[in-house]
Amino acid sequence: MGDVLGPKLISVQVGVPRTVILNGEEVSTGIFKSPVRKRVHMGALDLEGDQQADLSVHGGRDKAVYAYPSEHYPFWKKQLPGVELPWGAFGENLTTSGWLEKDVCIGDRFAIGSAEVVVTQPRLPCFKLNLKFERDDMARRFLASGFTGFYFRVLREGEIGAGDEIVRVHQDEYRVSISDILKVYLGAPHSDELRARALRVEYLSDSWREELSQQA
């Protein structure tokens, strides 16, 4: 079964879109998430009680659930002094411990509760992260940090809750980590071989497959 000790689901967050004002215009966003204290159903497209605002760039099968490592919160507390950072502050559905971007590969499958998920891509932050933190540089800083978290596609629906183990049940043979694929995306030198490997991964999201294919 693989890694059965250690990694855990720390907190589960959901939210529905709300309207906020940006430069005098109304913007709908689902980035505001709140913890839930019960077990929830993880469906093929989202968590029970969760919705995305703009389905052209958020949600869908490849980005059904977003996970963010709790290990990054101390970094952000230093970067953003005085800013409250409860679990879910970065819009994640799942706050995790034990898995970092350097360890998690595209195509890796994980069991959480009675559900099974597969990693599809990193998160690329949009202007709504700036909106959430009320600062113009947050999306840029988030991407530059490399602490992007990762999206899951749901392979088996099930119930999940805080405290569940996160067990890697399969490691993809091409071993392209989230950190690796970010380097390719950002144009790191000598990344052609890495890009070619990433394009072989069955569960690489369609949007990233298109992006990497255009870079090739």
N, C-alpha and C. Protein backbone atom coordinates (compact mmCIF):
# COMPACT_ATOMS: atom_id res chain seq x y z
N MET A 1 0.82 -1.21 0.00
CA MET A 1 0.00 0.00 0.00
C MET A 1 0.86 1.27 0.00
N GLY A 2 2.10 1.19 0.38
CA GLY A 2 2.92 2.39 0.35
C GLY A 2 2.96 3.08 1.70
N ASP A 3 2.92 4.43 1.65
CA ASP A 3 3.16 5.24 2.85
C ASP A 3 1.90 5.28 3.72
N VAL A 4 1.86 4.48 4.77
CA VAL A 4 0.64 4.40 5.57
C VAL A 4 0.73 5.17 6.87
N LEU A 5 1.92 5.62 7.26
CA LEU A 5 2.06 6.35 8.51
C LEU A 5 2.46 7.79 8.22
N GLY A 6 1.94 8.69 9.00
CA GLY A 6 2.41 10.07 8.90
C GLY A 6 1.44 11.02 8.23
N PRO A 7 1.37 11.00 6.88
CA PRO A 7 0.56 12.01 6.20
C PRO A 7 -0.91 11.98 6.61
N LYS A 8 -1.44 13.18 6.85
CA LYS A 8 -2.79 13.29 7.36
C LYS A 8 -3.54 14.43 6.69
N LEU A 9 -4.85 14.32 6.74
CA LEU A 9 -5.74 15.41 6.36
C LEU A 9 -6.00 16.23 7.63
N ILE A 10 -5.49 17.45 7.65
CA ILE A 10 -5.57 18.29 8.85
C ILE A 10 -6.93 18.97 8.97
N SER A 11 -7.43 19.48 7.85
CA SER A 11 -8.69 20.23 7.87
C SER A 11 -9.34 20.15 6.50
N VAL A 12 -10.67 20.22 6.48
CA VAL A 12 -11.46 20.21 5.24
C VAL A 12 -12.25 21.51 5.17
N GLN A 13 -12.16 22.20 4.02
CA GLN A 13 -12.86 23.48 3.85
C GLN A 13 -13.77 23.46 2.62
N VAL A 14 -14.89 24.11 2.73
CA VAL A 14 -15.79 24.30 1.60
C VAL A 14 -16.28 25.74 1.61
N GLY A 15 -16.86 26.16 0.50
CA GLY A 15 -17.42 27.50 0.42
C GLY A 15 -18.23 27.66 -0.85
N VAL A 16 -19.10 28.63 -0.85
CA VAL A 16 -19.88 28.96 -2.05
C VAL A 16 -19.45 30.33 -2.53
N PRO A 17 -19.61 30.60 -3.82
CA PRO A 17 -19.15 31.89 -4.34
C PRO A 17 -19.82 33.07 -3.64
N ARG A 18 -19.02 34.11 -3.46
CA ARG A 18 -19.55 35.37 -2.94
C ARG A 18 -19.10 36.49 -3.87
N THR A 19 -19.82 37.58 -3.85
CA THR A 19 -19.51 38.72 -4.70
C THR A 19 -18.75 39.77 -3.91
N VAL A 20 -17.63 40.19 -4.47
CA VAL A 20 -16.84 41.26 -3.84
C VAL A 20 -16.62 42.35 -4.88
N ILE A 21 -16.22 43.51 -4.42
CA ILE A 21 -16.01 44.65 -5.32
C ILE A 21 -14.52 44.82 -5.59
N LEU A 22 -14.16 44.88 -6.86
CA LEU A 22 -12.77 45.10 -7.28
C LEU A 22 -12.76 46.22 -8.30
N ASN A 23 -12.07 47.31 -7.96
CA ASN A 23 -11.99 48.47 -8.85
C ASN A 23 -13.38 48.93 -9.29
N GLY A 24 -14.31 48.90 -8.34
CA GLY A 24 -15.67 49.37 -8.62
C GLY A 24 -16.55 48.37 -9.35
N GLU A 25 -16.02 47.18 -9.64
CA GLU A 25 -16.80 46.17 -10.36
C GLU A 25 -17.05 44.97 -9.47
N GLU A 26 -18.20 44.33 -9.68
CA GLU A 26 -18.54 43.13 -8.93
C GLU A 26 -17.79 41.92 -9.49
N VAL A 27 -17.17 41.14 -8.61
CA VAL A 27 -16.46 39.93 -9.01
C VAL A 27 -16.97 38.79 -8.14
N SER A 28 -17.30 37.67 -8.77
CA SER A 28 -17.74 36.49 -8.03
C SER A 28 -16.54 35.57 -7.82
N THR A 29 -16.35 35.11 -6.59
CA THR A 29 -15.22 34.24 -6.29
C THR A 29 -15.60 33.18 -5.27
N GLY A 30 -15.02 32.00 -5.45
CA GLY A 30 -15.23 30.91 -4.50
C GLY A 30 -14.00 30.65 -3.65
N ILE A 31 -13.08 31.62 -3.57
CA ILE A 31 -11.81 31.39 -2.87
C ILE A 31 -11.97 31.42 -1.35
N PHE A 32 -13.07 31.97 -0.88
CA PHE A 32 -13.30 32.03 0.57
C PHE A 32 -13.88 30.70 1.05
N LYS A 33 -13.09 29.95 1.82
CA LYS A 33 -13.49 28.63 2.31
C LYS A 33 -13.49 28.62 3.84
N SER A 34 -14.38 27.81 4.40
CA SER A 34 -14.45 27.68 5.85
C SER A 34 -14.37 26.20 6.23
N PRO A 35 -13.73 25.88 7.37
CA PRO A 35 -13.63 24.47 7.79
C PRO A 35 -15.00 23.87 8.10
N VAL A 36 -15.12 22.59 7.81
CA VAL A 36 -16.32 21.84 8.19
C VAL A 36 -15.91 20.83 9.26
N ARG A 37 -16.79 20.60 10.21
CA ARG A 37 -16.46 19.77 11.38
C ARG A 37 -17.00 18.36 11.25
N LYS A 38 -17.54 18.01 10.11
CA LYS A 38 -18.11 16.68 9.91
C LYS A 38 -17.44 16.02 8.72
N ARG A 39 -17.72 14.75 8.54
CA ARG A 39 -17.24 14.06 7.35
C ARG A 39 -18.09 14.51 6.17
N VAL A 40 -17.46 14.67 5.02
CA VAL A 40 -18.19 15.16 3.85
C VAL A 40 -17.96 14.23 2.67
N HIS A 41 -18.89 14.28 1.73
CA HIS A 41 -18.79 13.45 0.53
C HIS A 41 -17.89 14.13 -0.50
N MET A 42 -16.91 13.38 -0.98
CA MET A 42 -16.06 13.86 -2.08
C MET A 42 -16.60 13.27 -3.37
N GLY A 43 -17.21 14.13 -4.19
CA GLY A 43 -17.78 13.69 -5.45
C GLY A 43 -16.81 13.84 -6.60
N ALA A 44 -17.27 13.49 -7.78
CA ALA A 44 -16.40 13.53 -8.96
C ALA A 44 -15.99 14.94 -9.34
N LEU A 45 -16.81 15.92 -8.98
CA LEU A 45 -16.53 17.30 -9.40
C LEU A 45 -16.24 18.25 -8.25
N ASP A 46 -16.57 17.87 -7.02
CA ASP A 46 -16.32 18.77 -5.90
C ASP A 46 -16.64 18.07 -4.58
N LEU A 47 -16.39 18.80 -3.49
CA LEU A 47 -16.78 18.34 -2.18
C LEU A 47 -18.22 18.77 -1.90
N GLU A 48 -18.90 18.00 -1.10
CA GLU A 48 -20.24 18.37 -0.65
C GLU A 48 -20.19 19.76 0.00
N GLY A 49 -21.02 20.66 -0.50
CA GLY A 49 -21.10 22.01 0.05
C GLY A 49 -20.13 23.00 -0.56
N ASP A 50 -19.33 22.57 -1.54
CA ASP A 50 -18.34 23.46 -2.16
C ASP A 50 -18.75 23.79 -3.59
N GLN A 51 -18.48 25.02 -4.00
CA GLN A 51 -18.75 25.44 -5.38
C GLN A 51 -17.64 26.35 -5.86
N GLN A 52 -17.44 26.34 -7.19
CA GLN A 52 -16.49 27.28 -7.79
C GLN A 52 -17.28 28.35 -8.54
N ALA A 53 -16.69 29.54 -8.62
CA ALA A 53 -17.38 30.66 -9.26
C ALA A 53 -17.21 30.65 -10.78
N ASP A 54 -15.98 30.48 -11.25
CA ASP A 54 -15.69 30.55 -12.69
C ASP A 54 -15.22 29.18 -13.16
N LEU A 55 -16.16 28.40 -13.72
CA LEU A 55 -15.83 27.04 -14.10
C LEU A 55 -14.95 26.95 -15.34
N SER A 56 -14.68 28.10 -15.98
CA SER A 56 -13.78 28.07 -17.14
C SER A 56 -12.33 27.90 -16.68
N VAL A 57 -12.02 28.29 -15.45
CA VAL A 57 -10.64 28.17 -14.96
C VAL A 57 -10.53 27.40 -13.65
N HIS A 58 -11.65 27.16 -13.00
CA HIS A 58 -11.64 26.42 -11.73
C HIS A 58 -12.58 25.23 -11.84
N GLY A 59 -12.31 24.22 -11.04
CA GLY A 59 -13.20 23.07 -11.00
C GLY A 59 -13.05 22.16 -12.21
N GLY A 60 -14.08 21.34 -12.46
CA GLY A 60 -14.00 20.32 -13.49
C GLY A 60 -13.33 19.08 -12.94
N ARG A 61 -13.30 18.02 -13.72
CA ARG A 61 -12.76 16.75 -13.23
C ARG A 61 -11.28 16.84 -12.86
N ASP A 62 -10.51 17.60 -13.63
CA ASP A 62 -9.07 17.68 -13.38
C ASP A 62 -8.73 18.53 -12.16
N LYS A 63 -9.65 19.39 -11.76
CA LYS A 63 -9.41 20.28 -10.61
C LYS A 63 -10.59 20.22 -9.65
N ALA A 64 -11.00 19.00 -9.34
CA ALA A 64 -12.18 18.83 -8.49
C ALA A 64 -11.92 19.27 -7.06
N VAL A 65 -10.71 18.99 -6.56
CA VAL A 65 -10.37 19.26 -5.16
C VAL A 65 -8.95 19.80 -5.10
N TYR A 66 -8.77 20.84 -4.28
CA TYR A 66 -7.46 21.49 -4.16
C TYR A 66 -6.88 21.25 -2.77
N ALA A 67 -5.63 20.77 -2.73
CA ALA A 67 -4.95 20.48 -1.47
C ALA A 67 -3.75 21.41 -1.29
N TYR A 68 -3.54 21.83 -0.03
CA TYR A 68 -2.41 22.70 0.27
C TYR A 68 -1.71 22.22 1.53
N PRO A 69 -0.38 22.08 1.50
CA PRO A 69 0.35 21.58 2.66
C PRO A 69 0.35 22.56 3.84
N SER A 70 0.02 22.06 5.01
CA SER A 70 0.04 22.90 6.21
C SER A 70 1.46 23.37 6.53
N GLU A 71 2.46 22.64 6.05
CA GLU A 71 3.86 22.99 6.32
C GLU A 71 4.22 24.37 5.78
N HIS A 72 3.45 24.91 4.82
CA HIS A 72 3.78 26.20 4.24
C HIS A 72 3.25 27.38 5.06
N TYR A 73 2.34 27.11 5.98
CA TYR A 73 1.75 28.21 6.73
C TYR A 73 2.76 29.02 7.54
N PRO A 74 3.76 28.39 8.19
CA PRO A 74 4.75 29.21 8.91
C PRO A 74 5.50 30.18 8.00
N PHE A 75 5.81 29.74 6.78
CA PHE A 75 6.47 30.63 5.81
C PHE A 75 5.61 31.85 5.54
N TRP A 76 4.32 31.61 5.30
CA TRP A 76 3.44 32.73 4.97
C TRP A 76 3.18 33.63 6.17
N LYS A 77 3.21 33.07 7.36
CA LYS A 77 3.03 33.90 8.56
C LYS A 77 4.20 34.88 8.72
N LYS A 78 5.38 34.45 8.30
CA LYS A 78 6.53 35.35 8.32
C LYS A 78 6.45 36.37 7.19
N GLN A 79 5.96 35.92 6.03
CA GLN A 79 5.85 36.80 4.87
C GLN A 79 4.74 37.84 5.02
N LEU A 80 3.72 37.48 5.77
CA LEU A 80 2.52 38.33 5.89
C LEU A 80 2.24 38.62 7.36
N PRO A 81 3.12 39.34 8.02
CA PRO A 81 2.95 39.59 9.46
C PRO A 81 1.63 40.32 9.74
N GLY A 82 0.96 39.86 10.77
CA GLY A 82 -0.29 40.49 11.16
C GLY A 82 -1.52 40.01 10.42
N VAL A 83 -1.32 39.16 9.39
CA VAL A 83 -2.45 38.64 8.62
C VAL A 83 -2.93 37.33 9.24
N GLU A 84 -4.21 37.22 9.49
CA GLU A 84 -4.75 35.98 10.02
C GLU A 84 -4.73 34.91 8.94
N LEU A 85 -4.23 33.72 9.30
CA LEU A 85 -4.12 32.64 8.33
C LEU A 85 -4.72 31.35 8.92
N PRO A 86 -6.04 31.29 9.00
CA PRO A 86 -6.67 30.04 9.44
C PRO A 86 -6.55 29.00 8.33
N TRP A 87 -6.73 27.73 8.67
CA TRP A 87 -6.73 26.70 7.63
C TRP A 87 -7.75 27.10 6.56
N GLY A 88 -7.36 26.91 5.31
CA GLY A 88 -8.21 27.31 4.19
C GLY A 88 -7.93 28.71 3.69
N ALA A 89 -6.94 29.38 4.27
CA ALA A 89 -6.66 30.77 3.90
C ALA A 89 -6.30 30.92 2.42
N PHE A 90 -5.75 29.87 1.83
CA PHE A 90 -5.33 29.97 0.42
C PHE A 90 -6.37 29.38 -0.53
N GLY A 91 -7.57 29.16 -0.01
CA GLY A 91 -8.66 28.68 -0.84
C GLY A 91 -8.66 27.18 -1.03
N GLU A 92 -7.84 26.49 -0.20
CA GLU A 92 -7.76 25.03 -0.38
C GLU A 92 -8.95 24.32 0.26
N ASN A 93 -9.35 23.24 -0.39
CA ASN A 93 -10.36 22.34 0.19
C ASN A 93 -9.76 21.47 1.28
N LEU A 94 -8.52 21.02 1.04
CA LEU A 94 -7.87 20.09 1.96
C LEU A 94 -6.56 20.70 2.43
N THR A 95 -6.43 20.87 3.74
CA THR A 95 -5.15 21.25 4.31
C THR A 95 -4.49 19.97 4.81
N THR A 96 -3.29 19.69 4.32
CA THR A 96 -2.66 18.40 4.54
C THR A 96 -1.37 18.54 5.34
N SER A 97 -0.87 17.41 5.84
CA SER A 97 0.48 17.37 6.40
C SER A 97 1.16 16.10 5.91
N GLY A 98 2.45 16.20 5.65
CA GLY A 98 3.22 15.01 5.29
C GLY A 98 3.55 14.87 3.81
N TRP A 99 2.90 15.66 2.95
CA TRP A 99 3.22 15.59 1.52
C TRP A 99 3.53 16.98 1.01
N LEU A 100 4.70 17.14 0.41
CA LEU A 100 5.11 18.42 -0.15
C LEU A 100 5.22 18.32 -1.67
N GLU A 101 5.32 19.48 -2.32
CA GLU A 101 5.36 19.51 -3.78
C GLU A 101 6.53 18.71 -4.35
N LYS A 102 7.62 18.65 -3.63
CA LYS A 102 8.79 17.90 -4.13
C LYS A 102 8.59 16.39 -4.05
N ASP A 103 7.64 15.96 -3.23
CA ASP A 103 7.40 14.53 -3.01
C ASP A 103 6.22 13.98 -3.82
N VAL A 104 5.31 14.86 -4.20
CA VAL A 104 4.07 14.45 -4.86
C VAL A 104 4.23 14.58 -6.37
N CYS A 105 3.94 13.51 -7.09
CA CYS A 105 4.12 13.49 -8.54
C CYS A 105 2.78 13.50 -9.26
N ILE A 106 2.78 14.12 -10.43
CA ILE A 106 1.61 14.05 -11.30
C ILE A 106 1.31 12.57 -11.56
N GLY A 107 0.06 12.18 -11.39
CA GLY A 107 -0.31 10.78 -11.61
C GLY A 107 -0.25 9.91 -10.36
N ASP A 108 0.31 10.43 -9.26
CA ASP A 108 0.28 9.68 -8.00
C ASP A 108 -1.17 9.57 -7.52
N ARG A 109 -1.50 8.40 -6.98
CA ARG A 109 -2.86 8.18 -6.47
C ARG A 109 -2.81 8.06 -4.95
N PHE A 110 -3.80 8.65 -4.31
CA PHE A 110 -3.88 8.65 -2.86
C PHE A 110 -5.26 8.21 -2.39
N ALA A 111 -5.28 7.43 -1.31
CA ALA A 111 -6.53 7.08 -0.63
C ALA A 111 -6.70 8.03 0.55
N ILE A 112 -7.88 8.64 0.62
CA ILE A 112 -8.25 9.52 1.74
C ILE A 112 -9.64 9.09 2.19
N GLY A 113 -9.77 8.65 3.43
CA GLY A 113 -11.06 8.12 3.86
C GLY A 113 -11.45 6.97 2.96
N SER A 114 -12.68 7.00 2.45
CA SER A 114 -13.13 5.95 1.52
C SER A 114 -13.00 6.39 0.06
N ALA A 115 -12.37 7.54 -0.18
CA ALA A 115 -12.19 8.06 -1.54
C ALA A 115 -10.79 7.78 -2.06
N GLU A 116 -10.64 7.85 -3.37
CA GLU A 116 -9.31 7.77 -3.99
C GLU A 116 -9.19 8.89 -5.00
N VAL A 117 -8.02 9.56 -4.98
CA VAL A 117 -7.79 10.71 -5.85
C VAL A 117 -6.46 10.53 -6.59
N VAL A 118 -6.28 11.33 -7.64
CA VAL A 118 -5.03 11.31 -8.39
C VAL A 118 -4.60 12.75 -8.63
N VAL A 119 -3.29 12.99 -8.55
CA VAL A 119 -2.74 14.34 -8.72
C VAL A 119 -2.69 14.69 -10.20
N THR A 120 -3.18 15.90 -10.54
CA THR A 120 -3.27 16.30 -11.94
C THR A 120 -2.41 17.49 -12.32
N GLN A 121 -2.17 18.42 -11.39
CA GLN A 121 -1.42 19.64 -11.73
C GLN A 121 -1.17 20.47 -10.48
N PRO A 122 -0.23 21.43 -10.58
CA PRO A 122 -0.09 22.43 -9.51
C PRO A 122 -1.21 23.46 -9.63
N ARG A 123 -1.28 24.34 -8.65
CA ARG A 123 -2.20 25.48 -8.76
C ARG A 123 -1.45 26.67 -9.32
N LEU A 124 -2.02 27.30 -10.33
CA LEU A 124 -1.52 28.57 -10.80
C LEU A 124 -2.43 29.66 -10.24
N PRO A 125 -1.91 30.55 -9.40
CA PRO A 125 -2.77 31.54 -8.76
C PRO A 125 -3.27 32.59 -9.74
N CYS A 126 -4.48 33.07 -9.53
CA CYS A 126 -5.03 34.13 -10.37
C CYS A 126 -5.24 35.38 -9.51
N PHE A 127 -5.79 36.41 -10.12
CA PHE A 127 -5.95 37.69 -9.43
C PHE A 127 -6.83 37.58 -8.19
N LYS A 128 -7.61 36.51 -8.10
CA LYS A 128 -8.51 36.39 -6.94
C LYS A 128 -7.74 36.12 -5.65
N LEU A 129 -6.51 35.62 -5.78
CA LEU A 129 -5.67 35.50 -4.58
C LEU A 129 -5.27 36.89 -4.09
N ASN A 130 -4.98 37.79 -5.03
CA ASN A 130 -4.72 39.19 -4.66
C ASN A 130 -5.95 39.78 -3.97
N LEU A 131 -7.10 39.48 -4.52
CA LEU A 131 -8.36 39.97 -3.97
C LEU A 131 -8.57 39.48 -2.54
N LYS A 132 -8.29 38.20 -2.34
CA LYS A 132 -8.49 37.58 -1.02
C LYS A 132 -7.61 38.25 0.03
N PHE A 133 -6.36 38.53 -0.33
CA PHE A 133 -5.41 39.08 0.64
C PHE A 133 -5.32 40.61 0.57
N GLU A 134 -6.07 41.20 -0.36
CA GLU A 134 -6.11 42.65 -0.50
C GLU A 134 -4.72 43.24 -0.73
N ARG A 135 -3.97 42.59 -1.63
CA ARG A 135 -2.66 43.11 -2.02
C ARG A 135 -2.37 42.67 -3.46
N ASP A 136 -1.74 43.53 -4.22
CA ASP A 136 -1.57 43.31 -5.65
C ASP A 136 -0.48 42.30 -6.00
N ASP A 137 0.37 41.96 -5.02
CA ASP A 137 1.51 41.11 -5.34
C ASP A 137 1.35 39.67 -4.86
N MET A 138 0.18 39.31 -4.33
CA MET A 138 0.07 38.00 -3.67
C MET A 138 0.18 36.85 -4.67
N ALA A 139 -0.48 36.95 -5.81
CA ALA A 139 -0.42 35.87 -6.80
C ALA A 139 1.01 35.66 -7.28
N ARG A 140 1.72 36.75 -7.52
CA ARG A 140 3.12 36.65 -7.97
C ARG A 140 3.99 36.00 -6.90
N ARG A 141 3.81 36.41 -5.67
CA ARG A 141 4.61 35.86 -4.58
C ARG A 141 4.28 34.38 -4.35
N PHE A 142 3.03 34.04 -4.49
CA PHE A 142 2.60 32.66 -4.31
C PHE A 142 3.28 31.75 -5.33
N LEU A 143 3.27 32.14 -6.59
CA LEU A 143 3.90 31.33 -7.63
C LEU A 143 5.41 31.28 -7.44
N ALA A 144 6.02 32.41 -7.10
CA ALA A 144 7.47 32.46 -6.92
C ALA A 144 7.93 31.58 -5.75
N SER A 145 7.09 31.40 -4.76
CA SER A 145 7.46 30.60 -3.59
C SER A 145 7.62 29.12 -3.95
N GLY A 146 6.93 28.67 -4.99
CA GLY A 146 6.90 27.25 -5.32
C GLY A 146 5.96 26.46 -4.43
N PHE A 147 5.35 27.14 -3.46
CA PHE A 147 4.41 26.49 -2.53
C PHE A 147 3.00 26.62 -3.09
N THR A 148 2.73 25.86 -4.13
CA THR A 148 1.48 26.04 -4.88
C THR A 148 0.38 25.06 -4.47
N GLY A 149 0.76 23.98 -3.77
CA GLY A 149 -0.23 22.93 -3.55
C GLY A 149 -0.50 22.18 -4.84
N PHE A 150 -1.56 21.36 -4.83
CA PHE A 150 -1.83 20.52 -6.02
C PHE A 150 -3.31 20.16 -6.09
N TYR A 151 -3.73 19.93 -7.31
CA TYR A 151 -5.12 19.56 -7.57
C TYR A 151 -5.26 18.05 -7.69
N PHE A 152 -6.45 17.58 -7.29
CA PHE A 152 -6.80 16.17 -7.41
C PHE A 152 -7.97 15.98 -8.37
N ARG A 153 -7.91 14.91 -9.11
CA ARG A 153 -9.07 14.35 -9.79
C ARG A 153 -9.58 13.20 -8.91
N VAL A 154 -10.89 13.07 -8.79
CA VAL A 154 -11.47 12.03 -7.93
C VAL A 154 -11.71 10.77 -8.75
N LEU A 155 -11.01 9.70 -8.39
CA LEU A 155 -11.17 8.42 -9.09
C LEU A 155 -12.26 7.56 -8.45
N ARG A 156 -12.38 7.68 -7.13
CA ARG A 156 -13.44 6.95 -6.42
C ARG A 156 -14.07 7.89 -5.40
N GLU A 157 -15.34 8.13 -5.56
CA GLU A 157 -16.04 8.99 -4.61
C GLU A 157 -16.09 8.33 -3.24
N GLY A 158 -16.16 9.16 -2.19
CA GLY A 158 -16.22 8.60 -0.85
C GLY A 158 -16.35 9.68 0.19
N GLU A 159 -16.29 9.29 1.45
CA GLU A 159 -16.41 10.21 2.57
C GLU A 159 -15.02 10.51 3.13
N ILE A 160 -14.78 11.78 3.43
CA ILE A 160 -13.50 12.18 4.01
C ILE A 160 -13.75 13.09 5.21
N GLY A 161 -12.72 13.21 6.07
CA GLY A 161 -12.84 14.11 7.21
C GLY A 161 -11.47 14.38 7.81
N ALA A 162 -11.38 15.47 8.56
CA ALA A 162 -10.13 15.82 9.23
C ALA A 162 -9.65 14.65 10.08
N GLY A 163 -8.36 14.39 10.02
CA GLY A 163 -7.77 13.28 10.76
C GLY A 163 -7.54 12.04 9.92
N ASP A 164 -8.14 11.98 8.73
CA ASP A 164 -7.92 10.82 7.86
C ASP A 164 -6.47 10.74 7.42
N GLU A 165 -5.96 9.51 7.30
CA GLU A 165 -4.65 9.32 6.69
C GLU A 165 -4.73 9.62 5.20
N ILE A 166 -3.62 10.08 4.64
CA ILE A 166 -3.50 10.28 3.19
C ILE A 166 -2.45 9.28 2.72
N VAL A 167 -2.90 8.21 2.11
CA VAL A 167 -2.03 7.08 1.80
C VAL A 167 -1.75 7.04 0.30
N ARG A 168 -0.47 7.11 -0.06
CA ARG A 168 -0.13 6.96 -1.49
C ARG A 168 -0.25 5.49 -1.85
N VAL A 169 -1.19 5.19 -2.75
CA VAL A 169 -1.43 3.80 -3.13
C VAL A 169 -0.78 3.46 -4.47
N HIS A 170 -0.31 4.49 -5.19
CA HIS A 170 0.38 4.25 -6.47
C HIS A 170 1.25 5.46 -6.77
N GLN A 171 2.50 5.21 -7.14
CA GLN A 171 3.37 6.30 -7.58
C GLN A 171 3.57 6.19 -9.08
N ASP A 172 3.30 7.29 -9.77
CA ASP A 172 3.39 7.28 -11.22
C ASP A 172 4.80 6.93 -11.69
N GLU A 173 4.89 6.14 -12.74
CA GLU A 173 6.18 5.63 -13.20
C GLU A 173 7.10 6.72 -13.73
N TYR A 174 6.55 7.84 -14.19
CA TYR A 174 7.39 8.88 -14.80
C TYR A 174 7.97 9.85 -13.76
N ARG A 175 7.46 9.82 -12.54
CA ARG A 175 8.05 10.53 -11.41
C ARG A 175 8.31 12.01 -11.72
N VAL A 176 7.30 12.71 -12.18
CA VAL A 176 7.40 14.16 -12.40
C VAL A 176 6.69 14.85 -11.24
N SER A 177 7.48 15.41 -10.33
CA SER A 177 6.88 16.03 -9.14
C SER A 177 6.21 17.36 -9.48
N ILE A 178 5.41 17.83 -8.55
CA ILE A 178 4.80 19.15 -8.70
C ILE A 178 5.89 20.21 -8.83
N SER A 179 6.93 20.11 -8.03
CA SER A 179 8.05 21.06 -8.13
C SER A 179 8.72 20.98 -9.50
N ASP A 180 8.88 19.77 -10.02
CA ASP A 180 9.49 19.59 -11.35
C ASP A 180 8.67 20.29 -12.43
N ILE A 181 7.38 20.05 -12.42
CA ILE A 181 6.55 20.56 -13.52
C ILE A 181 6.42 22.08 -13.44
N LEU A 182 6.52 22.63 -12.24
CA LEU A 182 6.55 24.09 -12.11
C LEU A 182 7.80 24.67 -12.76
N LYS A 183 8.92 23.98 -12.60
CA LYS A 183 10.16 24.44 -13.22
C LYS A 183 10.02 24.46 -14.75
N VAL A 184 9.38 23.42 -15.27
CA VAL A 184 9.17 23.37 -16.72
C VAL A 184 8.29 24.53 -17.15
N TYR A 185 7.21 24.73 -16.43
CA TYR A 185 6.25 25.81 -16.76
C TYR A 185 6.93 27.17 -16.74
N LEU A 186 7.83 27.37 -15.77
CA LEU A 186 8.49 28.67 -15.62
C LEU A 186 9.71 28.82 -16.52
N GLY A 187 9.94 27.82 -17.38
CA GLY A 187 10.99 27.95 -18.39
C GLY A 187 12.39 27.67 -17.90
N ALA A 188 12.53 26.78 -16.94
CA ALA A 188 13.87 26.43 -16.46
C ALA A 188 14.70 25.84 -17.60
N PRO A 189 15.99 26.14 -17.64
CA PRO A 189 16.83 25.59 -18.71
C PRO A 189 16.96 24.07 -18.60
N HIS A 190 17.19 23.46 -19.74
CA HIS A 190 17.44 22.01 -19.82
C HIS A 190 16.27 21.19 -19.27
N SER A 191 15.05 21.63 -19.57
CA SER A 191 13.89 20.92 -19.04
C SER A 191 13.12 20.14 -20.12
N ASP A 192 13.72 19.97 -21.29
CA ASP A 192 13.03 19.28 -22.38
C ASP A 192 12.70 17.83 -22.02
N GLU A 193 13.65 17.16 -21.38
CA GLU A 193 13.41 15.75 -21.03
C GLU A 193 12.31 15.63 -19.98
N LEU A 194 12.31 16.55 -19.05
CA LEU A 194 11.30 16.57 -18.00
C LEU A 194 9.91 16.84 -18.60
N ARG A 195 9.86 17.78 -19.54
CA ARG A 195 8.60 18.09 -20.22
C ARG A 195 8.09 16.86 -20.98
N ALA A 196 8.98 16.18 -21.66
CA ALA A 196 8.57 14.99 -22.41
C ALA A 196 8.02 13.91 -21.48
N ARG A 197 8.65 13.74 -20.31
CA ARG A 197 8.14 12.77 -19.34
C ARG A 197 6.77 13.16 -18.83
N ALA A 198 6.61 14.46 -18.54
CA ALA A 198 5.32 14.94 -18.02
C ALA A 198 4.19 14.67 -19.03
N LEU A 199 4.50 14.84 -20.29
CA LEU A 199 3.47 14.65 -21.32
C LEU A 199 3.06 13.19 -21.47
N ARG A 200 3.85 12.28 -20.91
CA ARG A 200 3.50 10.86 -20.97
C ARG A 200 2.58 10.44 -19.82
N VAL A 201 2.43 11.31 -18.83
CA VAL A 201 1.63 10.95 -17.65
C VAL A 201 0.15 10.96 -18.00
N GLU A 202 -0.50 9.85 -17.76
CA GLU A 202 -1.90 9.70 -18.16
C GLU A 202 -2.80 10.76 -17.54
N TYR A 203 -2.59 11.09 -16.27
CA TYR A 203 -3.53 11.96 -15.56
C TYR A 203 -3.10 13.42 -15.51
N LEU A 204 -2.07 13.82 -16.28
CA LEU A 204 -1.77 15.23 -16.41
C LEU A 204 -3.03 15.94 -16.91
N SER A 205 -3.38 17.07 -16.28
CA SER A 205 -4.62 17.75 -16.67
C SER A 205 -4.55 18.22 -18.12
N ASP A 206 -5.70 18.34 -18.75
CA ASP A 206 -5.78 18.74 -20.15
C ASP A 206 -5.15 20.12 -20.36
N SER A 207 -5.39 21.05 -19.43
CA SER A 207 -4.88 22.41 -19.60
C SER A 207 -3.36 22.44 -19.54
N TRP A 208 -2.79 21.65 -18.63
CA TRP A 208 -1.33 21.61 -18.56
C TRP A 208 -0.73 20.83 -19.72
N ARG A 209 -1.41 19.83 -20.20
CA ARG A 209 -0.94 19.09 -21.37
C ARG A 209 -0.85 20.03 -22.57
N GLU A 210 -1.87 20.85 -22.73
CA GLU A 210 -1.89 21.81 -23.83
C GLU A 210 -0.77 22.83 -23.67
N GLU A 211 -0.59 23.34 -22.45
CA GLU A 211 0.45 24.34 -22.19
C GLU A 211 1.85 23.76 -22.48
N LEU A 212 2.13 22.57 -21.97
CA LEU A 212 3.45 21.98 -22.16
C LEU A 212 3.69 21.60 -23.62
N SER A 213 2.63 21.18 -24.30
CA SER A 213 2.77 20.84 -25.72
C SER A 213 3.13 22.06 -26.55
N GLN A 214 2.57 23.20 -26.17
CA GLN A 214 2.88 24.43 -26.90
C GLN A 214 4.31 24.90 -26.63
N GLN A 215 4.83 24.56 -25.43
CA GLN A 215 6.20 24.94 -25.11
C GLN A 215 7.21 24.08 -25.85
N ALA A 216 6.82 22.87 -26.18
CA ALA A 216 7.77 21.89 -26.75
C ALA A 216 8.31 22.38 -28.09
